[in-house]
């Protein structure tokens, strides 16, 4: 399959786990260049107000760069700060596809509706299955923060 020129994905990436790596791997496999939207601290406060994100934007940015360096060879990407739910995916005619998890898939129809209203082509959508921990539940930064699982989904406490 021919790679697409420019694709996008995004997230908070508070504690980077195998689910995040699975998402990034899928994105790097289909795109020549990946735009990774990383939620700003203000975004987190506004949209994830019930959350207890531990790491600042700067820490999350640096951790994300480090994980990409450790896990992927010769990939082209740009990390951008997301101040809202959509970032450049609703305005860039150059972005061809978006890579999302099953959880964030619900936003894609709204994104494509906005793009169509702006006379932009809808994005192709690649949905990545949620990574599960040993107990069959989704791996999440929240569960890692709470000490339930590690970043690979291993159960740490019952």
N, C-alpha and C. Protein backbone atom coordinates (compact mmCIF):
# COMPACT_ATOMS: atom_id res chain seq x y z
N UNK A 1 0.84 -1.19 0.00
CA UNK A 1 0.00 0.00 0.00
C UNK A 1 0.88 1.25 0.00
N UNK A 2 0.52 2.18 -0.84
CA UNK A 2 1.26 3.44 -0.92
C UNK A 2 0.95 4.28 0.32
N UNK A 3 1.99 4.86 0.90
CA UNK A 3 1.80 5.70 2.08
C UNK A 3 1.17 7.02 1.70
N UNK A 4 0.35 7.53 2.61
CA UNK A 4 -0.23 8.86 2.44
C UNK A 4 0.82 9.89 2.83
N UNK A 5 0.74 11.08 2.27
CA UNK A 5 1.74 12.10 2.56
C UNK A 5 1.65 12.63 3.99
N UNK A 6 0.44 12.99 4.42
CA UNK A 6 0.29 13.65 5.71
C UNK A 6 -0.93 13.12 6.44
N UNK A 7 -0.71 12.62 7.64
CA UNK A 7 -1.81 12.12 8.45
C UNK A 7 -1.69 12.71 9.85
N UNK A 8 -2.76 12.55 10.63
CA UNK A 8 -2.79 13.15 11.96
C UNK A 8 -3.30 12.16 13.00
N UNK A 9 -2.89 12.39 14.22
CA UNK A 9 -3.42 11.71 15.40
C UNK A 9 -3.23 12.67 16.56
N UNK A 10 -3.74 12.30 17.71
CA UNK A 10 -3.58 13.21 18.84
C UNK A 10 -3.92 12.54 20.15
N UNK A 11 -3.61 13.26 21.23
CA UNK A 11 -3.92 12.75 22.55
C UNK A 11 -3.26 13.58 23.63
N UNK A 12 -3.46 13.13 24.85
CA UNK A 12 -2.87 13.79 26.02
C UNK A 12 -1.52 13.18 26.36
N UNK A 13 -1.38 11.88 26.16
CA UNK A 13 -0.12 11.18 26.36
C UNK A 13 0.48 11.47 27.75
N UNK A 14 -0.35 11.36 28.79
CA UNK A 14 0.14 11.63 30.15
C UNK A 14 1.13 10.56 30.58
N UNK A 15 0.70 9.31 30.60
CA UNK A 15 1.60 8.18 30.81
C UNK A 15 1.54 7.37 29.53
N UNK A 16 2.62 7.35 28.78
CA UNK A 16 2.62 6.67 27.49
C UNK A 16 2.68 5.17 27.71
N UNK A 17 1.71 4.47 27.10
CA UNK A 17 1.58 3.02 27.29
C UNK A 17 1.50 2.32 25.94
N UNK A 18 1.38 0.98 25.98
CA UNK A 18 1.41 0.22 24.72
C UNK A 18 0.25 0.58 23.79
N UNK A 19 -0.85 1.05 24.34
CA UNK A 19 -1.95 1.50 23.49
C UNK A 19 -1.55 2.70 22.66
N UNK A 20 -0.84 3.64 23.29
CA UNK A 20 -0.33 4.81 22.56
C UNK A 20 0.66 4.37 21.48
N UNK A 21 1.53 3.43 21.83
CA UNK A 21 2.53 2.96 20.87
C UNK A 21 1.87 2.25 19.69
N UNK A 22 0.80 1.53 19.96
CA UNK A 22 0.04 0.85 18.90
C UNK A 22 -0.58 1.89 17.95
N UNK A 23 -1.13 2.95 18.51
CA UNK A 23 -1.71 4.03 17.72
C UNK A 23 -0.65 4.70 16.86
N UNK A 24 0.48 5.04 17.48
CA UNK A 24 1.57 5.69 16.74
C UNK A 24 2.14 4.78 15.66
N UNK A 25 2.26 3.49 15.97
CA UNK A 25 2.78 2.53 15.00
C UNK A 25 1.89 2.48 13.76
N UNK A 26 0.58 2.40 13.98
CA UNK A 26 -0.36 2.38 12.85
C UNK A 26 -0.21 3.65 12.02
N UNK A 27 -0.08 4.78 12.69
CA UNK A 27 0.04 6.06 12.00
C UNK A 27 1.34 6.14 11.19
N UNK A 28 2.45 5.75 11.82
CA UNK A 28 3.73 5.80 11.10
C UNK A 28 3.75 4.83 9.92
N UNK A 29 3.03 3.72 10.03
CA UNK A 29 3.00 2.73 8.95
C UNK A 29 2.25 3.20 7.72
N UNK A 30 1.30 4.11 7.88
CA UNK A 30 0.50 4.52 6.71
C UNK A 30 0.85 5.91 6.19
N UNK A 31 1.64 6.66 6.97
CA UNK A 31 1.92 8.02 6.54
C UNK A 31 3.39 8.34 6.39
N UNK A 32 3.71 9.20 5.42
CA UNK A 32 5.08 9.68 5.27
C UNK A 32 5.43 10.69 6.36
N UNK A 33 4.43 11.47 6.78
CA UNK A 33 4.65 12.45 7.84
C UNK A 33 3.42 12.45 8.74
N UNK A 34 3.66 12.46 10.04
CA UNK A 34 2.59 12.40 11.01
C UNK A 34 2.56 13.68 11.83
N UNK A 35 1.39 14.29 11.91
CA UNK A 35 1.18 15.40 12.83
C UNK A 35 0.55 14.81 14.09
N UNK A 36 1.22 15.01 15.22
CA UNK A 36 0.70 14.51 16.49
C UNK A 36 0.23 15.71 17.30
N UNK A 37 -1.07 15.79 17.49
CA UNK A 37 -1.63 16.85 18.32
C UNK A 37 -1.51 16.44 19.78
N UNK A 38 -0.84 17.27 20.56
CA UNK A 38 -0.65 17.01 21.99
C UNK A 38 -1.41 18.07 22.76
N UNK A 39 -2.34 17.63 23.60
CA UNK A 39 -3.20 18.59 24.30
C UNK A 39 -2.39 19.51 25.21
N UNK A 40 -2.71 20.79 25.14
CA UNK A 40 -2.04 21.78 25.99
C UNK A 40 -2.54 21.64 27.43
N UNK A 41 -1.83 22.27 28.36
CA UNK A 41 -2.28 22.27 29.75
C UNK A 41 -3.64 22.95 29.87
N UNK A 42 -3.86 24.03 29.13
CA UNK A 42 -5.16 24.72 29.15
C UNK A 42 -6.26 23.83 28.60
N UNK A 43 -5.98 23.10 27.53
CA UNK A 43 -6.95 22.16 26.97
C UNK A 43 -7.33 21.13 28.02
N UNK A 44 -6.33 20.58 28.69
CA UNK A 44 -6.58 19.56 29.71
C UNK A 44 -7.49 20.13 30.81
N UNK A 45 -7.21 21.35 31.24
CA UNK A 45 -8.02 21.97 32.28
C UNK A 45 -9.46 22.21 31.81
N UNK A 46 -9.61 22.61 30.55
CA UNK A 46 -10.95 22.91 30.02
C UNK A 46 -11.76 21.66 29.70
N UNK A 47 -11.14 20.68 29.03
CA UNK A 47 -11.89 19.55 28.50
C UNK A 47 -11.78 18.28 29.33
N UNK A 48 -10.77 18.21 30.17
CA UNK A 48 -10.59 17.00 30.98
C UNK A 48 -10.59 17.39 32.45
N UNK A 49 -11.51 18.25 32.81
CA UNK A 49 -11.53 18.83 34.16
C UNK A 49 -11.71 17.78 35.26
N UNK A 50 -12.30 16.62 34.96
CA UNK A 50 -12.45 15.58 35.98
C UNK A 50 -11.21 14.70 36.07
N UNK A 51 -10.27 14.96 35.20
CA UNK A 51 -9.07 14.14 35.13
C UNK A 51 -8.01 14.63 36.12
N UNK A 52 -7.08 13.76 36.39
CA UNK A 52 -5.98 14.16 37.28
C UNK A 52 -4.64 13.96 36.56
N UNK A 53 -4.51 14.60 35.41
CA UNK A 53 -3.28 14.54 34.62
C UNK A 53 -2.11 14.96 35.51
N UNK A 54 -1.05 14.17 35.47
CA UNK A 54 0.10 14.43 36.35
C UNK A 54 1.18 15.28 35.70
N UNK A 55 1.35 15.12 34.40
CA UNK A 55 2.49 15.75 33.73
C UNK A 55 2.10 17.00 32.97
N UNK A 56 2.98 17.99 33.01
CA UNK A 56 2.76 19.24 32.27
C UNK A 56 2.94 18.98 30.78
N UNK A 57 2.51 19.95 29.97
CA UNK A 57 2.68 19.86 28.53
C UNK A 57 4.14 19.60 28.18
N UNK A 58 5.03 20.37 28.76
CA UNK A 58 6.46 20.23 28.45
C UNK A 58 6.97 18.82 28.76
N UNK A 59 6.58 18.28 29.89
CA UNK A 59 7.00 16.92 30.27
C UNK A 59 6.41 15.90 29.31
N UNK A 60 5.12 16.05 29.00
CA UNK A 60 4.46 15.11 28.09
C UNK A 60 5.09 15.19 26.70
N UNK A 61 5.41 16.40 26.24
CA UNK A 61 6.07 16.61 24.95
C UNK A 61 7.42 15.88 24.92
N UNK A 62 8.23 16.10 25.93
CA UNK A 62 9.55 15.47 25.99
C UNK A 62 9.45 13.95 26.10
N UNK A 63 8.51 13.45 26.91
CA UNK A 63 8.31 12.01 27.05
C UNK A 63 7.87 11.38 25.73
N UNK A 64 6.99 12.09 25.00
CA UNK A 64 6.51 11.58 23.72
C UNK A 64 7.66 11.50 22.71
N UNK A 65 8.46 12.55 22.64
CA UNK A 65 9.62 12.53 21.72
C UNK A 65 10.56 11.37 22.07
N UNK A 66 10.81 11.18 23.35
CA UNK A 66 11.71 10.11 23.80
C UNK A 66 11.16 8.73 23.45
N UNK A 67 9.87 8.51 23.66
CA UNK A 67 9.26 7.21 23.34
C UNK A 67 9.28 6.94 21.84
N UNK A 68 9.07 7.98 21.05
CA UNK A 68 9.13 7.81 19.59
C UNK A 68 10.55 7.42 19.18
N UNK A 69 11.54 8.10 19.73
CA UNK A 69 12.94 7.79 19.44
C UNK A 69 13.29 6.35 19.83
N UNK A 70 12.79 5.90 20.98
CA UNK A 70 13.08 4.55 21.48
C UNK A 70 12.38 3.45 20.68
N UNK A 71 11.21 3.75 20.11
CA UNK A 71 10.38 2.69 19.54
C UNK A 71 10.24 2.70 18.02
N UNK A 72 10.63 3.79 17.37
CA UNK A 72 10.41 3.88 15.93
C UNK A 72 11.67 4.41 15.24
N UNK A 73 12.01 3.81 14.11
CA UNK A 73 13.19 4.21 13.35
C UNK A 73 12.82 5.10 12.18
N UNK A 74 13.57 6.16 12.01
CA UNK A 74 13.46 7.02 10.83
C UNK A 74 12.03 7.39 10.47
N UNK A 75 11.34 7.99 11.42
CA UNK A 75 9.97 8.44 11.16
C UNK A 75 9.94 9.96 11.12
N UNK A 76 9.06 10.48 10.31
CA UNK A 76 8.89 11.92 10.18
C UNK A 76 7.62 12.34 10.90
N UNK A 77 7.76 13.25 11.83
CA UNK A 77 6.60 13.70 12.58
C UNK A 77 6.81 15.11 13.09
N UNK A 78 5.69 15.73 13.42
CA UNK A 78 5.69 17.04 14.05
C UNK A 78 4.70 16.97 15.21
N UNK A 79 5.12 17.41 16.38
CA UNK A 79 4.21 17.50 17.51
C UNK A 79 3.71 18.94 17.59
N UNK A 80 2.40 19.09 17.58
CA UNK A 80 1.82 20.43 17.69
C UNK A 80 0.99 20.51 18.97
N UNK A 81 0.87 21.70 19.50
CA UNK A 81 0.08 21.92 20.71
C UNK A 81 -1.39 22.07 20.33
N UNK A 82 -2.24 21.25 20.95
CA UNK A 82 -3.68 21.33 20.72
C UNK A 82 -4.32 22.20 21.79
N UNK A 83 -4.97 23.26 21.35
CA UNK A 83 -5.69 24.14 22.27
C UNK A 83 -7.19 23.89 22.23
N UNK A 84 -7.64 23.05 21.27
CA UNK A 84 -9.05 22.71 21.16
C UNK A 84 -9.17 21.26 20.71
N UNK A 85 -10.39 20.80 20.54
CA UNK A 85 -10.62 19.39 20.22
C UNK A 85 -10.16 18.97 18.84
N UNK A 86 -9.95 19.93 17.94
CA UNK A 86 -9.73 19.58 16.54
C UNK A 86 -8.35 19.89 15.99
N UNK A 87 -7.76 20.99 16.39
CA UNK A 87 -6.47 21.36 15.83
C UNK A 87 -6.56 21.55 14.33
N UNK A 88 -5.51 21.22 13.60
CA UNK A 88 -5.46 21.49 12.16
C UNK A 88 -6.31 20.55 11.31
N UNK A 89 -6.87 19.48 11.88
CA UNK A 89 -7.60 18.52 11.04
C UNK A 89 -8.87 19.10 10.44
N UNK A 90 -9.38 20.20 10.99
CA UNK A 90 -10.59 20.79 10.41
C UNK A 90 -10.30 21.91 9.41
N UNK A 91 -9.00 22.25 9.26
CA UNK A 91 -8.69 23.37 8.37
C UNK A 91 -7.62 23.08 7.33
N UNK A 92 -6.84 22.03 7.51
CA UNK A 92 -5.74 21.75 6.57
C UNK A 92 -6.20 20.86 5.42
N UNK A 93 -6.01 21.36 4.21
CA UNK A 93 -6.35 20.56 3.03
C UNK A 93 -5.27 19.51 2.76
N UNK A 94 -4.12 19.63 3.42
CA UNK A 94 -3.02 18.70 3.17
C UNK A 94 -3.14 17.40 3.96
N UNK A 95 -3.83 17.44 5.10
CA UNK A 95 -4.00 16.23 5.91
C UNK A 95 -4.97 15.31 5.20
N UNK A 96 -4.55 14.05 5.00
CA UNK A 96 -5.35 13.10 4.22
C UNK A 96 -6.10 12.09 5.08
N UNK A 97 -5.59 11.82 6.28
CA UNK A 97 -6.20 10.77 7.10
C UNK A 97 -5.98 11.09 8.57
N UNK A 98 -6.79 10.44 9.40
CA UNK A 98 -6.64 10.57 10.84
C UNK A 98 -6.64 9.17 11.44
N UNK A 99 -5.76 8.97 12.41
CA UNK A 99 -5.66 7.69 13.10
C UNK A 99 -6.19 7.90 14.51
N UNK A 100 -7.22 7.12 14.87
CA UNK A 100 -7.88 7.27 16.16
C UNK A 100 -8.06 5.91 16.82
N UNK A 101 -8.31 5.95 18.11
CA UNK A 101 -8.68 4.72 18.82
C UNK A 101 -10.19 4.53 18.72
N UNK A 102 -10.67 3.38 19.13
CA UNK A 102 -12.12 3.13 19.13
C UNK A 102 -12.84 4.16 19.99
N UNK A 103 -12.19 4.62 21.05
CA UNK A 103 -12.79 5.57 21.97
C UNK A 103 -12.96 6.95 21.33
N UNK A 104 -11.96 7.40 20.59
CA UNK A 104 -12.02 8.74 19.99
C UNK A 104 -12.67 8.76 18.61
N UNK A 105 -13.05 7.59 18.11
CA UNK A 105 -13.68 7.49 16.80
C UNK A 105 -14.95 8.34 16.69
N UNK A 106 -15.64 8.52 17.80
CA UNK A 106 -16.90 9.28 17.79
C UNK A 106 -16.72 10.72 17.30
N UNK A 107 -15.54 11.28 17.46
CA UNK A 107 -15.26 12.67 17.04
C UNK A 107 -15.07 12.80 15.53
N UNK A 108 -14.75 11.70 14.86
CA UNK A 108 -14.37 11.77 13.45
C UNK A 108 -15.51 12.26 12.56
N UNK A 109 -16.74 11.84 12.83
CA UNK A 109 -17.85 12.28 12.00
C UNK A 109 -18.00 13.80 12.09
N UNK A 110 -17.85 14.34 13.31
CA UNK A 110 -17.93 15.78 13.50
C UNK A 110 -16.81 16.49 12.73
N UNK A 111 -15.61 15.94 12.82
CA UNK A 111 -14.46 16.51 12.09
C UNK A 111 -14.74 16.53 10.59
N UNK A 112 -15.21 15.41 10.05
CA UNK A 112 -15.46 15.35 8.61
C UNK A 112 -16.64 16.24 8.20
N UNK A 113 -17.64 16.38 9.05
CA UNK A 113 -18.74 17.30 8.75
C UNK A 113 -18.23 18.74 8.65
N UNK A 114 -17.36 19.13 9.57
CA UNK A 114 -16.77 20.48 9.55
C UNK A 114 -15.93 20.66 8.29
N UNK A 115 -15.13 19.64 7.96
CA UNK A 115 -14.29 19.72 6.75
C UNK A 115 -15.16 19.90 5.51
N UNK A 116 -16.22 19.12 5.39
CA UNK A 116 -17.10 19.20 4.23
C UNK A 116 -17.74 20.58 4.15
N UNK A 117 -18.16 21.12 5.30
CA UNK A 117 -18.75 22.47 5.32
C UNK A 117 -17.75 23.52 4.87
N UNK A 118 -16.46 23.26 5.05
CA UNK A 118 -15.40 24.18 4.63
C UNK A 118 -14.86 23.83 3.23
N UNK A 119 -15.58 22.96 2.52
CA UNK A 119 -15.19 22.53 1.16
C UNK A 119 -13.86 21.80 1.14
N UNK A 120 -13.55 21.07 2.20
CA UNK A 120 -12.36 20.21 2.25
C UNK A 120 -12.80 18.76 2.11
N UNK A 121 -11.92 17.93 1.58
CA UNK A 121 -12.22 16.51 1.48
C UNK A 121 -12.31 15.90 2.88
N UNK A 122 -13.23 14.96 3.08
CA UNK A 122 -13.25 14.27 4.37
C UNK A 122 -11.97 13.45 4.55
N UNK A 123 -11.58 13.27 5.78
CA UNK A 123 -10.38 12.48 6.07
C UNK A 123 -10.68 11.00 5.99
N UNK A 124 -9.71 10.24 5.48
CA UNK A 124 -9.78 8.79 5.64
C UNK A 124 -9.57 8.51 7.12
N UNK A 125 -10.20 7.46 7.61
CA UNK A 125 -10.16 7.18 9.04
C UNK A 125 -9.58 5.79 9.27
N UNK A 126 -8.57 5.74 10.11
CA UNK A 126 -7.97 4.47 10.51
C UNK A 126 -8.25 4.32 12.00
N UNK A 127 -9.00 3.28 12.35
CA UNK A 127 -9.37 3.04 13.74
C UNK A 127 -8.47 1.92 14.29
N UNK A 128 -7.80 2.23 15.40
CA UNK A 128 -6.90 1.27 16.03
C UNK A 128 -7.62 0.69 17.26
N UNK A 129 -7.64 -0.62 17.33
CA UNK A 129 -8.29 -1.29 18.45
C UNK A 129 -7.60 -0.93 19.76
N UNK A 130 -8.38 -0.76 20.80
CA UNK A 130 -7.88 -0.41 22.13
C UNK A 130 -7.02 -1.57 22.66
N UNK A 131 -5.85 -1.24 23.21
CA UNK A 131 -5.00 -2.25 23.84
C UNK A 131 -5.62 -2.62 25.18
N UNK A 132 -5.59 -3.91 25.49
CA UNK A 132 -6.19 -4.40 26.72
C UNK A 132 -5.11 -4.88 27.69
N UNK A 133 -5.40 -4.73 28.97
CA UNK A 133 -4.50 -5.22 30.01
C UNK A 133 -4.78 -6.70 30.28
N UNK A 134 -4.03 -7.28 31.21
CA UNK A 134 -4.19 -8.70 31.55
C UNK A 134 -5.61 -9.05 31.98
N UNK A 135 -6.32 -8.09 32.56
CA UNK A 135 -7.69 -8.36 33.02
C UNK A 135 -8.73 -8.11 31.93
N UNK A 136 -8.28 -7.82 30.70
CA UNK A 136 -9.20 -7.63 29.58
C UNK A 136 -9.79 -6.24 29.50
N UNK A 137 -9.45 -5.38 30.44
CA UNK A 137 -9.94 -4.00 30.44
C UNK A 137 -8.98 -3.12 29.64
N UNK A 138 -9.46 -1.99 29.13
CA UNK A 138 -8.57 -1.09 28.37
C UNK A 138 -7.40 -0.58 29.20
N UNK A 139 -6.26 -0.45 28.53
CA UNK A 139 -5.10 0.17 29.16
C UNK A 139 -5.30 1.67 29.04
N UNK A 140 -5.11 2.38 30.14
CA UNK A 140 -5.28 3.83 30.11
C UNK A 140 -4.29 4.49 31.07
N UNK A 141 -4.00 5.75 30.78
CA UNK A 141 -3.13 6.53 31.68
C UNK A 141 -3.74 6.61 33.07
N UNK A 142 -5.07 6.69 33.15
CA UNK A 142 -5.74 6.76 34.45
C UNK A 142 -5.46 5.52 35.28
N UNK A 143 -5.56 4.36 34.67
CA UNK A 143 -5.30 3.11 35.40
C UNK A 143 -3.83 3.01 35.81
N UNK A 144 -2.94 3.51 34.97
CA UNK A 144 -1.50 3.52 35.32
C UNK A 144 -1.28 4.48 36.49
N UNK A 145 -1.86 5.68 36.40
CA UNK A 145 -1.76 6.67 37.48
C UNK A 145 -2.27 6.13 38.81
N UNK A 146 -3.35 5.35 38.73
CA UNK A 146 -3.97 4.79 39.94
C UNK A 146 -3.22 3.58 40.48
N UNK A 147 -2.16 3.14 39.77
CA UNK A 147 -1.37 2.02 40.25
C UNK A 147 -2.00 0.66 40.01
N UNK A 148 -3.02 0.60 39.16
CA UNK A 148 -3.69 -0.67 38.88
C UNK A 148 -2.87 -1.55 37.93
N UNK A 149 -2.27 -0.91 36.91
CA UNK A 149 -1.53 -1.61 35.87
C UNK A 149 -0.25 -0.85 35.55
N UNK A 150 0.66 -1.53 34.83
CA UNK A 150 1.83 -0.81 34.33
C UNK A 150 1.58 -0.41 32.87
N UNK A 151 2.58 0.18 32.23
CA UNK A 151 2.38 0.69 30.86
C UNK A 151 2.25 -0.39 29.81
N UNK A 152 2.43 -1.65 30.19
CA UNK A 152 2.25 -2.77 29.27
C UNK A 152 0.97 -3.53 29.55
N UNK A 153 0.22 -3.11 30.58
CA UNK A 153 -1.04 -3.74 30.90
C UNK A 153 -0.96 -4.85 31.95
N UNK A 154 0.20 -4.99 32.57
CA UNK A 154 0.36 -5.99 33.64
C UNK A 154 -0.36 -5.49 34.90
N UNK A 155 -1.13 -6.38 35.52
CA UNK A 155 -1.87 -6.03 36.73
C UNK A 155 -0.88 -5.85 37.89
N UNK A 156 -1.01 -4.72 38.57
CA UNK A 156 -0.13 -4.42 39.71
C UNK A 156 -0.82 -4.65 41.04
N UNK A 157 -2.16 -4.52 41.05
CA UNK A 157 -2.91 -4.79 42.27
C UNK A 157 -4.32 -5.21 41.92
N UNK A 158 -4.91 -5.95 42.79
CA UNK A 158 -6.28 -6.43 42.56
C UNK A 158 -7.27 -5.52 43.25
